[in-house]
C-alpha cells in the first residue's frame, strides 16, 4: 500500500481549471490501475491532497436544470461568480 501523499497548494485558481486538473490526475490513477490488472503488476498509484481557492461558483448536479438557477448572467458577473 502506498502511504505517500503528494501535497499541492494550487492557490487561487479558476474552478474549471482546477476541476480539469483533478480529472487529469484521476485519469492517470485509473491508467495505472488498469495496467496493473491487465499486466498482473502492482505499481503504486499516486495519492494527492489538493488545496485550492476559487471565486464564487454555482454548480448544478446531474439532475439539475438551468431553470433551477434563479439569477441571471448579469447578477453573476456583478458578484464575480461563475456558473457550471
Protein backbone atom coordinates (compact mmCIF):
# COMPACT_ATOMS: atom_id res chain seq x y z
CA UNK A 1 0.00 0.00 0.00
CA UNK A 2 1.30 3.43 -0.97
CA UNK A 3 1.04 5.74 2.04
CA UNK A 4 2.81 8.68 0.42
CA UNK A 5 0.66 11.70 -0.38
CA UNK A 6 1.61 14.42 -2.83
CA UNK A 7 0.51 17.77 -1.40
CA UNK A 8 -0.19 20.65 -3.76
CA UNK A 9 -1.32 24.15 -2.87
CA UNK A 10 -2.89 25.44 -6.08
CA UNK A 11 -3.69 28.81 -4.55
CA UNK A 12 -6.36 30.94 -6.18
CA UNK A 13 -7.41 29.06 -9.30
CA UNK A 14 -10.36 29.09 -11.69
CA UNK A 15 -12.96 26.46 -10.73
CA UNK A 16 -13.00 24.81 -14.17
CA UNK A 17 -9.21 24.78 -14.45
CA UNK A 18 -8.96 23.04 -11.08
CA UNK A 19 -11.72 20.58 -12.00
CA UNK A 20 -9.86 19.71 -15.22
CA UNK A 21 -6.61 19.21 -13.28
CA UNK A 22 -8.34 16.85 -10.86
CA UNK A 23 -9.78 14.89 -13.79
CA UNK A 24 -6.28 14.63 -15.29
CA UNK A 25 -4.85 13.26 -12.03
CA UNK A 26 -7.72 10.81 -11.70
CA UNK A 27 -7.25 9.57 -15.27
CA UNK A 28 -3.58 8.85 -14.57
CA UNK A 29 -4.52 6.84 -11.47
CA UNK A 30 -7.07 4.84 -13.45
CA UNK A 31 -4.49 4.14 -16.17
CA UNK A 32 -2.05 2.69 -13.62
CA UNK A 33 -4.79 0.55 -12.05
CA UNK A 34 -5.91 -0.69 -15.45
CA UNK A 35 -2.34 -1.58 -16.46
CA UNK A 36 -1.88 -3.39 -13.14
CA UNK A 37 -4.90 -5.58 -13.83
CA UNK A 38 -4.06 -6.29 -17.47
CA UNK A 39 -0.38 -6.99 -16.91
CA UNK A 40 -0.63 -8.59 -13.45
CA UNK A 41 1.52 -5.82 -11.96
CA UNK A 42 1.31 -3.95 -8.68
CA UNK A 43 2.60 -0.48 -9.49
CA UNK A 44 1.56 2.02 -6.84
CA UNK A 45 -0.84 4.80 -7.70
CA UNK A 46 -0.17 8.35 -6.59
CA UNK A 47 -2.18 9.88 -3.75
CA UNK A 48 -2.97 13.59 -3.90
CA UNK A 49 -4.09 16.20 -1.42
CA UNK A 50 -5.02 19.41 -3.20
CA UNK A 51 -5.73 22.75 -1.59
CA UNK A 52 -7.27 25.49 -3.66
CA UNK A 53 -9.42 28.56 -3.56
CA UNK A 54 -11.69 29.87 -6.27
CA UNK A 55 -14.13 32.69 -6.80
CA UNK A 56 -17.81 32.17 -6.12
CA UNK A 57 -19.32 29.48 -8.30
CA UNK A 58 -22.76 27.98 -8.76
CA UNK A 59 -22.95 24.39 -9.94
CA UNK A 60 -25.77 22.05 -10.89
CA UNK A 61 -25.80 18.37 -10.06
CA UNK A 62 -26.56 15.69 -12.62
CA UNK A 63 -30.29 16.05 -12.09
CA UNK A 64 -30.19 19.86 -12.07
CA UNK A 65 -31.58 22.10 -14.76
CA UNK A 66 -30.58 25.64 -15.78
CA UNK A 67 -34.04 26.79 -14.72
CA UNK A 68 -33.03 25.99 -11.13
CA UNK A 69 -30.62 28.94 -11.21
CA UNK A 70 -32.69 31.89 -10.02
CA UNK A 71 -30.27 34.65 -11.04
CA UNK A 72 -29.16 35.88 -14.46
CA UNK A 73 -25.72 36.26 -16.02
CA UNK A 74 -25.55 39.97 -15.17
CA UNK A 75 -26.07 39.21 -11.48
CA UNK A 76 -23.37 36.54 -11.55
CA UNK A 77 -20.98 38.93 -13.26
CA UNK A 78 -21.68 41.66 -10.68
CA UNK A 79 -20.69 39.20 -7.94
CA UNK A 80 -17.64 37.88 -9.78
CA UNK A 81 -19.31 34.46 -9.83
CA UNK A 82 -19.44 31.76 -12.47
CA UNK A 83 -21.93 29.03 -13.28
CA UNK A 84 -21.27 25.45 -14.37
